[in-house]
């Protein structure tokens, strides 16, 4: 009996080595999410599935909360192969392909399902090979959510209520142009400096998905008012350094692609289902929540759309993307 078990164990090891290769591959995955953020949880589930299904031949080391640098630094390190993979939003990716900028066009999506239909279908086919020239491989889009506005000064019920507010945005043209179109005084501040900027009242407010607003406890830095603007939609995108991707066998790549889709589905479910829960929790922390008329805000976006067109630099790309959006309604 002992001999039989020994033989079976040897055969199992041989099979594992044949299927996935004899050497263990360790891959660094960097992202900006904090503990408790849906993206952080999705990354952990992705890690678990990959390691289990590859029999431990692929190990994922996760570096959250900008541990390996801020998003622009992370993607540059993936590009040169210092980091194996990352989860980043379109704002960090569109420096390499302007197509990615279009997904974040202000007020273009009516709902999460509308955004997913575009992201998973024509948009993925349109962009899946865009990063290959920069030694990066796009695996797939997860979720991040619609961004919303908070501030310490007053409720923003109508577009004019945003006039004069000092609002922090990341450097992305989409958020910057949308808030400027509302009359806000936009200030570019890195995410790592957001809390100090709010605490010191260098800025009056900021815009982010509800999960980020809650997980970073923005009520503790005088954010008294939340407006559910849904002004832009963003997703996290799983990107690999091409040399790191090419180290993997076909079976390992397939496992990673499946695990990515599963993490995406789980994260999307959490993001959608948790919106009202986050709003309730934020109200319990004393934040006043406003649900405005989206169309009233969208009507102010003319200058933002002009900036978007100038940034992308190709009217045909804008037309192609808007057709995807219209066809997906």
Protein backbone atom coordinates (compact mmCIF):
# COMPACT_ATOMS: atom_id res chain seq x y z
CA UNK A 1 0.00 0.00 0.00
CA UNK A 2 2.82 2.40 0.91
CA UNK A 3 4.56 1.60 -2.38
CA UNK A 4 1.34 2.31 -4.29
CA UNK A 5 0.94 5.68 -2.56
CA UNK A 6 4.56 6.53 -3.32
CA UNK A 7 4.06 5.70 -7.00
CA UNK A 8 0.90 7.82 -7.14
CA UNK A 9 2.72 10.72 -5.50
CA UNK A 10 5.56 10.52 -8.02
CA UNK A 11 3.08 10.38 -10.90
CA UNK A 12 1.27 13.44 -9.53
CA UNK A 13 4.51 15.40 -9.34
CA UNK A 14 5.49 14.32 -12.86
CA UNK A 15 2.07 15.33 -14.20
CA UNK A 16 2.29 18.71 -12.51
CA UNK A 17 5.78 19.31 -13.92
CA UNK A 18 4.64 18.27 -17.40
CA UNK A 19 1.53 20.45 -17.33
CA UNK A 20 3.03 23.62 -15.88
CA UNK A 21 6.79 23.29 -16.15
CA UNK A 22 9.25 22.21 -13.53
CA UNK A 23 10.17 25.70 -12.31
CA UNK A 24 8.08 27.99 -10.16
CA UNK A 25 7.32 31.45 -11.55
CA UNK A 26 6.73 34.35 -9.15
CA UNK A 27 4.92 37.38 -10.58
CA UNK A 28 4.62 40.80 -8.96
CA UNK A 29 1.17 42.42 -9.25
CA UNK A 30 1.06 46.12 -8.29
CA UNK A 31 -1.99 48.36 -7.83
CA UNK A 32 -3.20 51.39 -5.89
CA UNK A 33 -6.15 49.91 -3.97
CA UNK A 34 -6.23 50.07 -0.19
CA UNK A 35 -7.23 47.29 2.22
CA UNK A 36 -10.97 46.67 1.97
CA UNK A 37 -11.25 48.15 -1.51
CA UNK A 38 -13.14 45.90 -4.00
CA UNK A 39 -10.12 45.95 -6.31
CA UNK A 40 -7.87 44.70 -3.52
CA UNK A 41 -10.29 41.88 -2.71
CA UNK A 42 -10.58 40.96 -6.40
CA UNK A 43 -6.79 40.85 -6.72
CA UNK A 44 -6.62 38.45 -3.77
CA UNK A 45 -9.24 36.15 -5.33
CA UNK A 46 -7.33 36.29 -8.63
CA UNK A 47 -4.11 35.31 -6.83
CA UNK A 48 -5.80 32.41 -5.05
CA UNK A 49 -7.34 30.98 -8.22
CA UNK A 50 -4.13 31.26 -10.25
CA UNK A 51 -2.01 29.60 -7.58
CA UNK A 52 -4.52 26.80 -6.99
CA UNK A 53 -5.17 26.01 -10.65
CA UNK A 54 -1.49 26.07 -11.64
CA UNK A 55 -0.65 23.75 -8.77
CA UNK A 56 1.58 26.41 -7.25
CA UNK A 57 3.74 26.75 -10.36
CA UNK A 58 2.68 30.42 -10.65
CA UNK A 59 2.85 32.55 -7.51
CA UNK A 60 1.31 36.03 -7.47
CA UNK A 61 2.87 38.56 -5.09
CA UNK A 62 0.47 41.46 -4.57
CA UNK A 63 1.70 44.98 -3.81
CA UNK A 64 -1.34 47.20 -3.05
CA UNK A 65 -1.69 50.82 -1.92
CA UNK A 66 0.99 52.20 -4.27
CA UNK A 67 3.72 50.22 -2.49
CA UNK A 68 5.80 50.05 -5.68
CA UNK A 69 4.99 53.58 -6.85
CA UNK A 70 2.04 55.66 -7.98
CA UNK A 71 0.08 54.56 -11.10
CA UNK A 72 2.24 56.36 -13.71
CA UNK A 73 5.35 54.89 -12.08
CA UNK A 74 3.80 51.43 -11.88
CA UNK A 75 2.91 51.22 -15.57
CA UNK A 76 6.33 52.49 -16.56
CA UNK A 77 7.91 49.71 -14.47
CA UNK A 78 5.63 47.15 -16.14
CA UNK A 79 6.64 48.55 -19.52
CA UNK A 80 10.35 48.01 -18.81
CA UNK A 81 9.77 44.67 -17.05
CA UNK A 82 10.67 45.65 -13.48
CA UNK A 83 7.11 44.77 -12.37
CA UNK A 84 5.38 41.77 -13.98
CA UNK A 85 1.79 43.00 -13.91
CA UNK A 86 -0.51 45.73 -12.69
CA UNK A 87 -4.12 46.80 -12.21
CA UNK A 88 -4.61 50.38 -13.40
CA UNK A 89 -7.36 52.61 -14.74
CA UNK A 90 -7.52 54.08 -18.23
CA UNK A 91 -5.95 57.35 -17.09
CA UNK A 92 -2.59 55.63 -16.68
CA UNK A 93 -2.90 53.68 -19.91
CA UNK A 94 -4.01 56.34 -22.38
CA UNK A 95 -0.49 57.80 -22.46
CA UNK A 96 0.31 54.79 -24.66
CA UNK A 97 -2.94 54.60 -26.63
CA UNK A 98 -5.49 57.40 -26.83
CA UNK A 99 -8.25 54.86 -27.45
CA UNK A 100 -8.27 54.10 -23.71
CA UNK A 101 -9.01 57.76 -22.94
CA UNK A 102 -12.37 57.53 -24.68
CA UNK A 103 -13.88 55.04 -22.24
CA UNK A 104 -13.70 57.78 -19.60
CA UNK A 105 -15.63 60.36 -21.65
CA UNK A 106 -17.86 62.31 -19.21
CA UNK A 107 -21.52 61.22 -18.92
CA UNK A 108 -21.29 58.78 -21.83
CA UNK A 109 -22.69 55.69 -20.05
CA UNK A 110 -26.24 55.33 -18.75
CA UNK A 111 -25.54 52.44 -16.38
CA UNK A 112 -23.01 49.83 -15.31
CA UNK A 113 -24.49 47.26 -17.70
CA UNK A 114 -24.16 49.74 -20.55
CA UNK A 115 -20.47 50.28 -19.70
CA UNK A 116 -19.79 46.53 -19.39
CA UNK A 117 -21.42 45.81 -22.75
CA UNK A 118 -19.04 48.25 -24.43
CA UNK A 119 -15.95 47.32 -22.38
CA UNK A 120 -16.24 43.54 -22.83
CA UNK A 121 -17.28 43.63 -26.47
CA UNK A 122 -16.20 46.09 -29.12
CA UNK A 123 -13.91 48.15 -26.88
CA UNK A 124 -11.78 45.15 -25.83
CA UNK A 125 -11.47 43.97 -29.44
CA UNK A 126 -10.56 47.55 -30.42
CA UNK A 127 -7.81 47.91 -27.82
CA UNK A 128 -6.51 44.42 -26.96
CA UNK A 129 -3.37 44.77 -29.11
CA UNK A 130 -2.77 48.48 -28.55
CA UNK A 131 -0.14 48.02 -25.84
CA UNK A 132 1.93 45.31 -27.51
CA UNK A 133 4.21 47.89 -29.15
CA UNK A 134 5.17 49.02 -25.62
CA UNK A 135 5.98 45.51 -24.36
CA UNK A 136 2.69 45.27 -22.46
CA UNK A 137 -0.11 42.73 -22.79
CA UNK A 138 -3.73 43.57 -21.89
CA UNK A 139 -5.47 40.60 -20.24
CA UNK A 140 -8.85 42.21 -19.50
CA UNK A 141 -10.94 44.87 -17.81
CA UNK A 142 -12.31 44.49 -14.28
CA UNK A 143 -14.17 47.37 -12.65
CA UNK A 144 -13.56 50.55 -10.67
CA UNK A 145 -16.88 52.28 -10.86
CA UNK A 146 -18.47 55.61 -11.57
CA UNK A 147 -16.76 58.59 -9.95
CA UNK A 148 -18.62 60.99 -7.67
CA UNK A 149 -17.94 64.40 -6.15
CA UNK A 150 -17.37 65.29 -2.48
CA UNK A 151 -16.54 68.62 -0.87
CA UNK A 152 -16.36 70.44 2.45
CA UNK A 153 -18.18 73.66 1.50
CA UNK A 154 -21.74 73.10 0.27
CA UNK A 155 -24.16 70.64 -1.37
CA UNK A 156 -23.72 70.47 -5.15
CA UNK A 157 -27.30 70.07 -6.36
CA UNK A 158 -26.98 71.95 -9.66
CA UNK A 159 -23.94 72.49 -11.90
CA UNK A 160 -23.51 76.11 -10.79
CA UNK A 161 -23.08 74.93 -7.19
CA UNK A 162 -19.64 73.62 -8.17
CA UNK A 163 -18.41 77.03 -9.28
CA UNK A 164 -15.38 78.20 -7.35
CA UNK A 165 -14.87 74.97 -5.44
CA UNK A 166 -11.23 73.87 -5.31
CA UNK A 167 -11.47 70.24 -6.45
CA UNK A 168 -8.63 67.74 -6.60
CA UNK A 169 -8.51 65.53 -9.67
CA UNK A 170 -5.83 63.22 -11.03
CA UNK A 171 -4.02 64.56 -14.12
CA UNK A 172 -6.40 62.78 -16.52
CA UNK A 173 -8.05 65.18 -18.97
CA UNK A 174 -11.48 63.57 -18.58
CA UNK A 175 -12.01 64.34 -14.89
CA UNK A 176 -10.16 67.64 -15.12
CA UNK A 177 -12.20 68.90 -18.09
CA UNK A 178 -15.52 67.70 -16.60
CA UNK A 179 -14.98 69.59 -13.34
CA UNK A 180 -13.69 72.67 -15.14
CA UNK A 181 -16.81 72.65 -17.31
CA UNK A 182 -18.83 72.92 -14.09
CA UNK A 183 -16.80 75.96 -13.03
CA UNK A 184 -14.68 74.28 -10.37
CA UNK A 185 -11.09 75.34 -9.74
CA UNK A 186 -9.28 72.10 -10.52
CA UNK A 187 -6.03 71.26 -8.78
CA UNK A 188 -3.91 68.27 -9.83
CA UNK A 189 -2.83 66.36 -6.74
CA UNK A 190 -1.44 62.80 -6.66
CA UNK A 191 -3.59 60.23 -4.89
CA UNK A 192 -0.91 59.69 -2.26
CA UNK A 193 -1.20 63.39 -1.33
CA UNK A 194 -5.01 63.55 -1.38
CA UNK A 195 -5.63 63.10 2.35
CA UNK A 196 -3.06 65.74 3.41
CA UNK A 197 -4.48 68.17 0.82
CA UNK A 198 -8.03 67.71 2.18
CA UNK A 199 -6.85 67.85 5.78
CA UNK A 200 -4.96 71.09 5.22
CA UNK A 201 -7.80 72.55 3.09
CA UNK A 202 -5.47 73.01 0.15
CA UNK A 203 -8.48 71.71 -1.77
CA UNK A 204 -12.18 71.77 -0.87
CA UNK A 205 -13.07 68.43 -2.38
CA UNK A 206 -12.29 65.56 -4.72
CA UNK A 207 -13.94 62.96 -6.99
CA UNK A 208 -13.65 59.19 -6.79
CA UNK A 209 -15.75 55.99 -6.78
CA UNK A 210 -17.80 55.42 -3.61
CA UNK A 211 -15.59 52.51 -2.55
CA UNK A 212 -12.54 54.79 -2.56
CA UNK A 213 -14.40 57.55 -0.71
CA UNK A 214 -15.44 55.10 1.98
CA UNK A 215 -12.25 53.03 2.29
CA UNK A 216 -10.19 56.22 2.68
CA UNK A 217 -12.57 57.60 5.36
CA UNK A 218 -12.94 60.98 3.69
CA UNK A 219 -15.48 62.09 6.32
CA UNK A 220 -12.49 62.35 8.64
CA UNK A 221 -10.98 65.09 6.45
CA UNK A 222 -14.03 67.35 6.42
CA UNK A 223 -15.81 65.96 3.36
CA UNK A 224 -19.36 66.84 4.40
CA UNK A 225 -21.16 66.67 1.05
CA UNK A 226 -21.39 63.90 -1.55
CA UNK A 227 -23.01 64.36 -4.96
CA UNK A 228 -23.75 61.20 -6.94
CA UNK A 229 -22.60 62.62 -10.27
CA UNK A 230 -21.44 59.41 -12.01
CA UNK A 231 -19.54 61.84 -14.24
CA UNK A 232 -17.06 59.29 -15.61
CA UNK A 233 -16.77 55.49 -15.56
CA UNK A 234 -13.47 53.69 -15.12
CA UNK A 235 -12.33 50.09 -14.92
CA UNK A 236 -9.22 48.48 -13.55
CA UNK A 237 -7.25 46.78 -16.30
CA UNK A 238 -5.00 43.76 -15.80
CA UNK A 239 -1.82 44.34 -17.78
CA UNK A 240 1.28 42.14 -17.98
CA UNK A 241 4.79 42.97 -19.07
CA UNK A 242 5.15 41.12 -22.37
CA UNK A 243 8.40 39.35 -21.33
CA UNK A 244 6.69 38.17 -18.12
CA UNK A 245 3.63 37.02 -20.09
CA UNK A 246 5.84 35.10 -22.51
CA UNK A 247 7.46 33.18 -19.65
CA UNK A 248 4.15 31.42 -19.09
CA UNK A 249 3.00 28.24 -20.78
CA UNK A 250 -0.20 28.19 -22.83
CA UNK A 251 -1.97 26.41 -19.94
CA UNK A 252 -0.80 29.01 -17.42
CA UNK A 253 -1.90 31.88 -19.67
CA UNK A 254 -5.34 30.30 -20.04
CA UNK A 255 -5.65 29.92 -16.27
CA UNK A 256 -4.72 33.58 -15.75
CA UNK A 257 -7.23 34.73 -18.37
CA UNK A 258 -10.00 32.70 -16.74
CA UNK A 259 -9.04 33.88 -13.25
CA UNK A 260 -9.09 37.47 -14.53
CA UNK A 261 -12.61 37.05 -15.91
CA UNK A 262 -13.77 35.51 -12.63
CA UNK A 263 -12.19 38.32 -10.56
CA UNK A 264 -13.80 40.85 -12.87
CA UNK A 265 -17.25 39.30 -12.50
CA UNK A 266 -16.93 39.17 -8.71
CA UNK A 267 -15.66 42.75 -8.48
CA UNK A 268 -18.42 44.07 -10.74
CA UNK A 269 -21.05 42.41 -8.61
CA UNK A 270 -19.58 43.97 -5.47
CA UNK A 271 -19.23 47.43 -7.03
CA UNK A 272 -22.80 47.50 -8.31
CA UNK A 273 -24.46 45.94 -5.28
CA UNK A 274 -22.49 47.96 -2.77
CA UNK A 275 -23.28 51.45 -4.09
CA UNK A 276 -26.40 51.94 -2.00
CA UNK A 277 -24.69 50.31 0.97
CA UNK A 278 -21.77 52.74 0.69
CA UNK A 279 -24.18 55.66 0.44
CA UNK A 280 -25.98 54.52 3.57
CA UNK A 281 -22.69 54.07 5.46
CA UNK A 282 -21.48 57.50 4.36
CA UNK A 283 -24.75 59.07 5.50
CA UNK A 284 -24.29 57.36 8.87
CA UNK A 285 -20.88 59.07 9.08
CA UNK A 286 -22.61 62.42 8.71
CA UNK A 287 -22.12 63.04 5.01
CA UNK A 288 -25.04 64.74 3.23
CA UNK A 289 -25.85 62.94 -0.03
CA UNK A 290 -27.30 64.65 -3.13
CA UNK A 291 -28.74 62.79 -6.14
CA UNK A 292 -28.84 65.36 -8.96
CA UNK A 293 -30.28 65.35 -12.47
CA UNK A 294 -27.49 63.84 -14.61
CA UNK A 295 -28.81 65.48 -17.78
CA UNK A 296 -28.47 68.92 -16.18
CA UNK A 297 -24.78 68.24 -15.58
CA UNK A 298 -24.23 66.60 -18.98
CA UNK A 299 -25.59 69.73 -20.68
CA UNK A 300 -22.56 71.63 -19.36
CA UNK A 301 -20.01 69.24 -20.88
CA UNK A 302 -19.49 71.01 -24.24
CA UNK A 303 -16.05 72.39 -23.27
CA UNK A 304 -15.06 69.01 -21.80
CA UNK A 305 -15.95 67.17 -25.02
CA UNK A 306 -13.91 69.69 -27.01
CA UNK A 307 -10.89 69.04 -24.74
CA UNK A 308 -11.40 65.29 -25.14
CA UNK A 309 -11.38 65.57 -28.93
CA UNK A 310 -8.20 67.67 -28.81
CA UNK A 311 -6.53 65.20 -26.44
CA UNK A 312 -7.37 62.15 -28.57
CA UNK A 313 -6.38 64.05 -31.71
CA UNK A 314 -8.30 61.87 -34.15
CA UNK A 315 -12.01 62.56 -34.86
CA UNK A 316 -12.40 59.10 -36.43
CA UNK A 317 -11.48 57.42 -33.13
CA UNK A 318 -14.07 59.54 -31.32
CA UNK A 319 -16.71 58.61 -33.92
CA UNK A 320 -15.88 54.90 -33.66
CA UNK A 321 -16.15 54.94 -29.89
CA UNK A 322 -19.41 56.89 -29.79
CA UNK A 323 -20.90 54.42 -32.27
CA UNK A 324 -19.95 51.56 -29.90
CA UNK A 325 -21.70 53.39 -27.07
CA UNK A 326 -24.81 54.06 -29.14
CA UNK A 327 -25.01 50.49 -30.46
CA UNK A 328 -24.74 49.12 -26.92
CA UNK A 329 -27.71 51.08 -25.53
